[in-house]
Amino acid sequence: MATQIVQAPPSAVSTTAPLPQPAVDAAAKLTAHFPHLTAASHFDSAAVRVVQLAAVAETGRMSDLDADSLAHAEDLMAGLLPLIGGAR
């Protein structure tokens, strides 16, 4: 028997909505003035991913895609480090 995919009823959809446009505009202005904050956020996200993928590597079951992701995350961290060196 094939699995049938159905759309969730409107009542089951999360009540959180995207930010209102003025809030989006304000956030964009702030990130433009503080690029090191964005860089630090990306660095932290990449660091978490490196830790996750390093755990996979230790099991010996790392796929080629995971290995590429690990290399990319490490490259991203190395590239961002000069930008956030003074911010950390």
C-alpha atoms as a PDB file:
ATOM      1  CA  MET A   1       0.000   0.000   0.000  1.00  0.00           C
ATOM      2  CA  ALA A   2       1.367   3.402  -0.964  1.00  0.00           C
ATOM      3  CA  THR A   3       1.621   6.184   1.559  1.00  0.00           C
ATOM      4  CA  GLN A   4      -0.715   9.058   0.889  1.00  0.00           C
ATOM      5  CA  ILE A   5       0.587  12.516   1.712  1.00  0.00           C
ATOM      6  CA  VAL A   6      -2.049  15.003   2.781  1.00  0.00           C
ATOM      7  CA  GLN A   7      -1.747  18.636   3.749  1.00  0.00           C
ATOM      8  CA  ALA A   8      -2.185  19.498   7.422  1.00  0.00           C
ATOM      9  CA  PRO A   9      -5.451  21.213   8.279  1.00  0.00           C
ATOM     10  CA  PRO A  10      -5.206  24.974   8.913  1.00  0.00           C
ATOM     11  CA  SER A  11      -5.804  24.429  12.632  1.00  0.00           C
ATOM     12  CA  ALA A  12      -2.613  22.344  12.841  1.00  0.00           C
ATOM     13  CA  VAL A  13      -0.404  24.981  11.264  1.00  0.00           C
ATOM     14  CA  SER A  14       1.834  26.870  13.668  1.00  0.00           C
ATOM     15  CA  THR A  15       0.530  30.209  14.832  1.00  0.00           C
ATOM     16  CA  THR A  16       3.917  31.865  14.526  1.00  0.00           C
ATOM     17  CA  ALA A  17       4.180  34.078  11.500  1.00  0.00           C
ATOM     18  CA  PRO A  18       7.029  35.809   9.698  1.00  0.00           C
ATOM     19  CA  LEU A  19       8.167  39.105  11.113  1.00  0.00           C
ATOM     20  CA  PRO A  20       6.224  42.173  10.033  1.00  0.00           C
ATOM     21  CA  GLN A  21       7.952  44.092   7.243  1.00  0.00           C
ATOM     22  CA  PRO A  22       9.060  46.997   9.496  1.00  0.00           C
ATOM     23  CA  ALA A  23      10.811  44.488  11.772  1.00  0.00           C
ATOM     24  CA  VAL A  24      12.485  42.822   8.784  1.00  0.00           C
ATOM     25  CA  ASP A  25      13.667  46.225   7.559  1.00  0.00           C
ATOM     26  CA  ALA A  26      15.006  47.157  11.000  1.00  0.00           C
ATOM     27  CA  ALA A  27      16.876  43.846  11.302  1.00  0.00           C
ATOM     28  CA  ALA A  28      18.402  44.333   7.846  1.00  0.00           C
ATOM     29  CA  LYS A  29      19.637  47.801   8.816  1.00  0.00           C
ATOM     30  CA  LEU A  30      21.158  46.477  12.031  1.00  0.00           C
ATOM     31  CA  THR A  31      22.981  43.609  10.346  1.00  0.00           C
ATOM     32  CA  ALA A  32      24.321  46.026   7.724  1.00  0.00           C
ATOM     33  CA  HIS A  33      25.832  48.172  10.492  1.00  0.00           C
ATOM     34  CA  PHE A  34      27.205  45.224  12.472  1.00  0.00           C
ATOM     35  CA  PRO A  35      28.586  42.675   9.971  1.00  0.00           C
ATOM     36  CA  HIS A  36      30.799  41.122  12.642  1.00  0.00           C
ATOM     37  CA  LEU A  37      27.665  39.953  14.471  1.00  0.00           C
ATOM     38  CA  THR A  38      26.487  38.119  11.382  1.00  0.00           C
ATOM     39  CA  ALA A  39      29.964  36.658  10.894  1.00  0.00           C
ATOM     40  CA  ALA A  40      30.081  35.533  14.530  1.00  0.00           C
ATOM     41  CA  SER A  41      26.680  33.890  14.173  1.00  0.00           C
ATOM     42  CA  HIS A  42      27.778  32.020  11.037  1.00  0.00           C
ATOM     43  CA  PHE A  43      31.018  31.019  12.760  1.00  0.00           C
ATOM     44  CA  ASP A  44      29.128  29.613  15.744  1.00  0.00           C
ATOM     45  CA  SER A  45      26.737  27.683  13.492  1.00  0.00           C
ATOM     46  CA  ALA A  46      29.661  26.227  11.545  1.00  0.00           C
ATOM     47  CA  ALA A  47      31.404  25.273  14.796  1.00  0.00           C
ATOM     48  CA  VAL A  48      28.333  23.343  15.946  1.00  0.00           C
ATOM     49  CA  ARG A  49      28.193  21.544  12.600  1.00  0.00           C
ATOM     50  CA  VAL A  50      31.894  20.651  12.833  1.00  0.00           C
ATOM     51  CA  VAL A  51      31.330  19.084  16.254  1.00  0.00           C
ATOM     52  CA  GLN A  52      28.338  17.114  14.949  1.00  0.00           C
ATOM     53  CA  LEU A  53      30.206  15.849  11.909  1.00  0.00           C
ATOM     54  CA  ALA A  54      33.348  15.060  13.892  1.00  0.00           C
ATOM     55  CA  ALA A  55      31.235  12.709  15.995  1.00  0.00           C
ATOM     56  CA  VAL A  56      30.059  10.980  12.811  1.00  0.00           C
ATOM     57  CA  ALA A  57      33.654  10.740  11.583  1.00  0.00           C
ATOM     58  CA  GLU A  58      34.687   9.013  14.813  1.00  0.00           C
ATOM     59  CA  THR A  59      32.205   6.223  14.117  1.00  0.00           C
ATOM     60  CA  GLY A  60      33.871   5.483  10.786  1.00  0.00           C
ATOM     61  CA  ARG A  61      30.535   5.795   9.006  1.00  0.00           C
ATOM     62  CA  MET A  62      30.950   9.212   7.459  1.00  0.00           C
ATOM     63  CA  SER A  63      29.526   9.562   3.970  1.00  0.00           C
ATOM     64  CA  ASP A  64      31.268  11.517   1.236  1.00  0.00           C
ATOM     65  CA  LEU A  65      28.587  14.193   1.554  1.00  0.00           C
ATOM     66  CA  ASP A  66      29.199  14.508   5.306  1.00  0.00           C
ATOM     67  CA  ALA A  67      32.951  14.719   4.679  1.00  0.00           C
ATOM     68  CA  ASP A  68      32.351  17.534   2.180  1.00  0.00           C
ATOM     69  CA  SER A  69      30.107  19.287   4.707  1.00  0.00           C
ATOM     70  CA  LEU A  70      32.779  18.979   7.369  1.00  0.00           C
ATOM     71  CA  ALA A  71      35.410  20.439   5.063  1.00  0.00           C
ATOM     72  CA  HIS A  72      33.073  23.270   4.061  1.00  0.00           C
ATOM     73  CA  ALA A  73      32.241  24.118   7.679  1.00  0.00           C
ATOM     74  CA  GLU A  74      35.921  24.165   8.600  1.00  0.00           C
ATOM     75  CA  ASP A  75      36.722  26.368   5.588  1.00  0.00           C
ATOM     76  CA  LEU A  76      33.890  28.711   6.532  1.00  0.00           C
ATOM     77  CA  MET A  77      35.209  29.005  10.076  1.00  0.00           C
ATOM     78  CA  ALA A  78      38.733  29.705   8.813  1.00  0.00           C
ATOM     79  CA  GLY A  79      37.435  32.383   6.451  1.00  0.00           C
ATOM     80  CA  LEU A  80      35.342  34.085   9.118  1.00  0.00           C
ATOM     81  CA  LEU A  81      37.980  34.060  11.821  1.00  0.00           C
ATOM     82  CA  PRO A  82      39.783  37.188  10.566  1.00  0.00           C
ATOM     83  CA  LEU A  83      36.456  39.049  10.480  1.00  0.00           C
ATOM     84  CA  ILE A  84      35.501  38.209  14.042  1.00  0.00           C
ATOM     85  CA  GLY A  85      38.936  38.124  15.603  1.00  0.00           C
ATOM     86  CA  GLY A  86      38.304  41.373  17.462  1.00  0.00           C
ATOM     87  CA  ALA A  87      34.688  40.541  18.217  1.00  0.00           C
ATOM     88  CA  ARG A  88      35.262  37.285  20.090  1.00  0.00           C
END
